[in-house]
N, C-alpha and C. Protein backbone atom coordinates (compact mmCIF):
# COMPACT_ATOMS: atom_id res chain seq x y z
N MET A 1 197.62 40.13 339.97
CA MET A 1 197.15 38.79 339.79
C MET A 1 198.18 38.37 338.97
N ARG A 2 198.53 36.64 339.56
CA ARG A 2 199.65 36.07 338.55
C ARG A 2 199.39 35.44 337.48
N ILE A 3 200.86 35.32 336.66
CA ILE A 3 200.37 34.60 335.33
C ILE A 3 201.25 33.45 335.46
N PRO A 4 200.62 32.25 335.16
CA PRO A 4 202.00 31.28 335.20
C PRO A 4 202.44 31.13 334.20
N MET A 5 203.52 30.44 334.26
CA MET A 5 204.43 30.18 333.02
C MET A 5 205.34 29.52 332.89
N THR A 6 205.35 28.80 331.89
CA THR A 6 206.71 28.09 332.19
C THR A 6 208.16 28.29 332.14
N PRO A 7 209.15 27.36 332.15
CA PRO A 7 210.61 27.85 331.98
C PRO A 7 210.52 28.56 330.78
N THR A 8 210.05 27.54 329.41
CA THR A 8 210.60 27.42 328.28
C THR A 8 209.69 28.79 327.91
N GLY A 9 208.40 29.23 328.06
CA GLY A 9 207.63 30.43 327.42
C GLY A 9 208.29 31.72 328.26
N TYR A 10 208.94 31.63 329.97
CA TYR A 10 209.73 32.74 330.35
C TYR A 10 210.91 33.34 329.46
N GLU A 11 211.52 32.33 329.17
CA GLU A 11 213.02 31.91 328.40
C GLU A 11 212.53 32.70 327.00
N ALA A 12 211.33 32.36 326.03
CA ALA A 12 211.32 32.80 324.94
C ALA A 12 210.08 34.65 324.98
N LEU A 13 209.80 34.54 326.32
CA LEU A 13 209.47 35.82 326.37
C LEU A 13 210.69 36.88 326.17
N LYS A 14 211.71 36.51 327.65
CA LYS A 14 212.86 36.93 327.69
C LYS A 14 213.84 37.26 326.68
N THR A 15 213.74 36.27 325.60
CA THR A 15 214.65 36.60 324.12
C THR A 15 214.00 37.83 323.50
N GLU A 16 212.52 37.64 323.53
CA GLU A 16 211.93 38.04 322.14
C GLU A 16 212.07 39.71 322.82
N LEU A 17 212.17 40.13 324.21
CA LEU A 17 212.46 41.41 325.08
C LEU A 17 213.59 41.90 324.21
N GLU A 18 214.31 41.36 324.66
CA GLU A 18 215.83 41.57 324.15
C GLU A 18 216.20 41.79 322.66
N ARG A 19 215.40 40.96 321.89
CA ARG A 19 215.92 41.02 320.13
C ARG A 19 215.02 42.34 319.72
N LEU A 20 213.99 42.47 320.45
CA LEU A 20 213.05 43.89 320.00
C LEU A 20 214.01 44.66 320.25
N ARG A 21 214.75 45.08 321.62
CA ARG A 21 215.15 46.33 322.60
C ARG A 21 216.61 46.10 321.24
N LYS A 22 217.26 45.15 321.24
CA LYS A 22 218.95 45.13 320.82
C LYS A 22 219.12 45.10 319.66
N VAL A 23 217.62 44.51 318.88
CA VAL A 23 218.10 44.46 317.28
C VAL A 23 216.73 45.01 316.47
N ASP A 24 215.50 44.94 316.82
CA ASP A 24 214.80 45.47 315.28
C ASP A 24 214.42 46.55 316.19
N ARG A 25 214.36 47.40 317.11
CA ARG A 25 214.24 48.87 317.61
C ARG A 25 215.29 49.55 317.04
N PRO A 26 216.96 49.23 317.64
CA PRO A 26 217.51 50.07 316.00
C PRO A 26 217.83 50.16 314.98
N GLN A 27 217.56 48.91 314.69
CA GLN A 27 216.78 48.70 312.64
C GLN A 27 215.88 49.72 312.52
N ASN A 28 214.76 49.76 312.81
CA ASN A 28 213.57 50.59 313.03
C ASN A 28 214.24 52.38 312.52
N ILE A 29 215.07 52.38 313.60
CA ILE A 29 215.84 53.92 314.41
C ILE A 29 216.71 54.19 312.91
N ARG A 30 216.87 53.27 312.16
CA ARG A 30 217.90 53.46 311.17
C ARG A 30 217.06 53.43 309.87
N ASP A 31 215.86 52.59 309.87
CA ASP A 31 214.43 52.64 308.27
C ASP A 31 214.52 53.95 308.34
N ILE A 32 214.08 54.64 309.96
CA ILE A 32 213.33 55.78 309.43
C ILE A 32 214.66 57.04 308.97
N ALA A 33 215.59 56.83 309.90
CA ALA A 33 216.61 57.77 309.04
C ALA A 33 216.61 57.69 307.65
N GLU A 34 216.80 56.39 306.99
CA GLU A 34 217.09 56.30 305.46
C GLU A 34 215.75 56.31 305.07
N ALA A 35 214.64 56.41 305.30
CA ALA A 35 213.23 56.86 305.01
C ALA A 35 213.45 58.65 305.13
N ARG A 36 213.55 59.13 305.49
CA ARG A 36 213.76 61.17 305.60
C ARG A 36 214.61 61.26 304.88
N GLU A 37 215.78 60.75 304.13
CA GLU A 37 216.76 60.96 303.20
C GLU A 37 216.60 60.99 302.18
N HIS A 38 214.98 60.50 301.65
CA HIS A 38 214.48 60.58 300.60
C HIS A 38 213.56 61.61 300.18
N GLY A 39 213.40 62.82 301.19
CA GLY A 39 212.68 63.88 300.68
C GLY A 39 211.36 63.69 301.48
N ASP A 40 210.50 64.01 300.53
CA ASP A 40 209.06 64.53 300.96
C ASP A 40 208.69 63.69 301.90
N LEU A 41 207.86 63.71 303.30
CA LEU A 41 207.40 62.88 304.20
C LEU A 41 205.96 62.96 304.15
N ARG A 42 205.48 63.30 303.59
CA ARG A 42 204.24 63.12 303.15
C ARG A 42 203.39 62.35 302.23
N GLU A 43 204.43 62.12 301.29
CA GLU A 43 204.23 61.48 300.60
C GLU A 43 205.31 59.93 300.20
N ASN A 44 206.02 60.07 301.51
CA ASN A 44 206.88 58.36 301.67
C ASN A 44 205.87 57.91 302.54
N ALA A 45 205.84 56.58 301.12
CA ALA A 45 205.44 55.43 301.60
C ALA A 45 206.44 53.98 303.00
N GLU A 46 207.55 54.87 302.62
CA GLU A 46 208.59 54.18 303.63
C GLU A 46 208.63 54.32 304.52
N PHE A 47 208.58 55.83 305.19
CA PHE A 47 208.68 56.65 306.25
C PHE A 47 207.56 56.17 307.41
N LYS A 48 206.07 56.08 306.27
CA LYS A 48 205.06 55.84 306.97
C LYS A 48 204.82 54.31 307.89
N ALA A 49 205.55 53.43 306.57
CA ALA A 49 205.54 52.22 307.24
C ALA A 49 206.48 51.67 308.28
N ALA A 50 207.35 52.56 308.29
CA ALA A 50 208.33 52.65 309.74
C ALA A 50 208.24 53.20 311.33
N LYS A 51 207.09 54.18 310.49
CA LYS A 51 206.68 54.91 311.79
C LYS A 51 205.48 53.94 311.97
N GLU A 52 204.54 53.10 311.77
CA GLU A 52 204.16 51.88 311.82
C GLU A 52 204.92 50.87 312.92
N ARG A 53 205.49 50.85 312.38
CA ARG A 53 206.68 49.56 312.78
C ARG A 53 207.23 49.87 314.07
N GLN A 54 207.77 51.54 313.97
CA GLN A 54 207.74 52.15 315.29
C GLN A 54 207.11 51.79 316.79
N ALA A 55 205.79 52.24 315.88
CA ALA A 55 204.64 51.83 316.98
C ALA A 55 204.10 50.64 317.57
N PHE A 56 204.04 49.97 316.98
CA PHE A 56 204.14 48.60 317.04
C PHE A 56 205.12 48.26 317.99
N LEU A 57 206.23 48.25 317.56
CA LEU A 57 207.52 47.69 318.85
C LEU A 57 207.53 48.58 320.06
N ASP A 58 207.21 49.57 319.51
CA ASP A 58 206.77 50.45 320.89
C ASP A 58 205.88 49.60 321.87
N LYS A 59 204.76 49.68 321.14
CA LYS A 59 203.56 48.82 321.94
C LYS A 59 204.06 47.45 322.52
N ARG A 60 204.78 46.67 321.83
CA ARG A 60 205.33 45.85 322.30
C ARG A 60 206.18 44.87 323.47
N ILE A 61 206.93 46.27 323.60
CA ILE A 61 207.87 46.33 324.58
C ILE A 61 207.55 46.77 325.41
N SER A 62 206.58 47.70 324.95
CA SER A 62 205.78 48.35 326.82
C SER A 62 204.77 47.06 327.38
N GLU A 63 204.10 46.05 326.54
CA GLU A 63 203.05 45.13 327.04
C GLU A 63 204.06 44.16 327.73
N ILE A 64 204.92 43.83 327.10
CA ILE A 64 205.88 42.78 328.14
C ILE A 64 206.62 43.35 329.20
N GLU A 65 207.20 44.51 328.98
CA GLU A 65 207.77 45.50 330.38
C GLU A 65 206.34 45.62 331.20
N GLN A 66 205.44 45.86 331.11
CA GLN A 66 204.56 46.26 331.80
C GLN A 66 203.80 44.99 332.69
N ASN A 67 203.76 43.63 331.92
CA ASN A 67 203.19 42.48 332.55
C ASN A 67 204.41 41.73 333.48
N TRP A 68 205.93 42.32 332.69
CA TRP A 68 206.77 41.36 333.21
C TRP A 68 206.69 40.74 335.16
N GLY A 69 206.44 41.75 335.65
CA GLY A 69 206.13 41.65 337.06
C GLY A 69 205.05 41.09 337.57
N ARG A 70 204.26 40.24 336.82
CA ARG A 70 202.85 39.51 336.98
C ARG A 70 203.46 38.23 336.18
N ARG A 71 204.48 38.00 335.79
CA ARG A 71 204.38 36.47 335.07
C ARG A 71 205.44 36.01 336.42
N MET A 72 205.10 34.68 336.40
CA MET A 72 206.39 33.74 337.46
C MET A 72 206.26 32.60 336.32
N SER A 73 207.30 32.02 336.49
CA SER A 73 207.95 30.60 336.24
C SER A 73 207.63 29.51 337.19
N SER A 74 206.40 28.67 336.60
CA SER A 74 205.68 27.72 337.37
C SER A 74 206.78 26.26 336.85
N ARG A 75 207.26 25.81 337.75
CA ARG A 75 208.14 24.74 338.26
C ARG A 75 207.22 23.76 338.00
N LEU A 76 207.44 22.35 337.44
CA LEU A 76 206.83 20.94 337.08
C LEU A 76 206.90 20.21 338.47
N ALA A 77 208.40 20.53 338.92
CA ALA A 77 208.67 20.13 340.54
C ALA A 77 207.46 20.06 341.12
N GLN A 78 206.97 21.35 341.38
CA GLN A 78 205.79 22.55 342.37
C GLN A 78 204.85 21.54 342.45
N VAL A 79 204.65 20.50 341.18
CA VAL A 79 203.23 19.80 341.44
C VAL A 79 203.50 18.66 342.08
N PRO A 80 202.56 18.26 343.33
CA PRO A 80 202.61 17.36 344.60
C PRO A 80 202.42 16.16 343.39
N ALA A 81 203.09 15.38 343.70
CA ALA A 81 203.14 13.62 343.44
C ALA A 81 201.92 13.01 343.31
N THR A 82 201.27 13.78 343.62
CA THR A 82 199.70 13.34 343.58
C THR A 82 198.95 13.15 342.66
N PRO A 83 197.97 12.62 341.91
CA PRO A 83 196.98 12.61 341.24
C PRO A 83 195.58 13.57 341.98
N TRP A 84 195.88 14.13 342.79
CA TRP A 84 194.72 14.67 343.44
C TRP A 84 195.54 16.21 343.99
N PHE A 85 194.84 17.23 342.84
CA PHE A 85 195.89 18.11 342.91
C PHE A 85 194.46 19.11 342.77
N LEU A 86 194.56 20.38 342.81
CA LEU A 86 193.62 21.64 342.23
C LEU A 86 194.45 22.03 341.32
N ALA A 87 193.26 22.39 340.45
CA ALA A 87 193.58 22.51 338.97
C ALA A 87 192.88 23.75 338.56
N ARG A 88 193.13 24.79 338.13
CA ARG A 88 191.91 26.05 337.53
C ARG A 88 190.90 25.09 336.72
N PRO A 89 189.61 25.70 336.66
CA PRO A 89 188.80 25.29 335.93
C PRO A 89 189.02 25.09 334.29
N SER A 90 189.46 26.10 333.78
CA SER A 90 189.93 26.12 332.39
C SER A 90 191.46 24.94 332.23
N ALA A 91 191.80 24.89 332.78
CA ALA A 91 193.32 24.02 332.87
C ALA A 91 193.36 22.94 331.68
N PHE A 92 193.95 22.39 331.15
CA PHE A 92 193.94 21.40 330.53
C PHE A 92 195.71 20.51 331.82
N VAL A 93 195.09 19.50 332.24
CA VAL A 93 195.94 18.61 332.98
C VAL A 93 195.69 17.08 332.40
N THR A 94 197.09 16.94 332.01
CA THR A 94 197.39 15.47 331.88
C THR A 94 198.12 14.82 332.94
N TRP A 95 197.42 13.59 333.17
CA TRP A 95 198.35 12.71 334.37
C TRP A 95 199.06 11.43 333.72
N ASN A 96 200.50 11.32 333.62
CA ASN A 96 200.76 10.19 333.55
C ASN A 96 201.36 8.92 334.65
N GLN A 97 200.96 8.38 334.97
CA GLN A 97 201.33 7.88 336.26
C GLN A 97 202.05 6.37 335.08
N THR A 98 203.37 6.00 335.93
CA THR A 98 204.15 5.28 335.83
C THR A 98 204.52 4.25 336.82
N ASN A 99 204.64 3.17 336.38
CA ASN A 99 204.72 1.89 338.26
C ASN A 99 206.04 1.71 337.77
């Protein structure tokens, strides 16, 4: 099933994925390394927090990558120029007609 998305939403998701891969994930790796240097990992709250953050980041990256192929950018120009077009039952449609 294809998931429609506005061009702005598509770009926002693309930007989020890049940020997760290039900024957040490397920072998290550094945080884990720094927490390991503090000693005993069983009682190290920083290490546990960094590992939880790592799990969250990995899950979010995986979600975006798995659903990427199902997402499609919908262009408003593709909508017919008549007020009689079909919309999904749960869709909100606003029609502004200019004369």
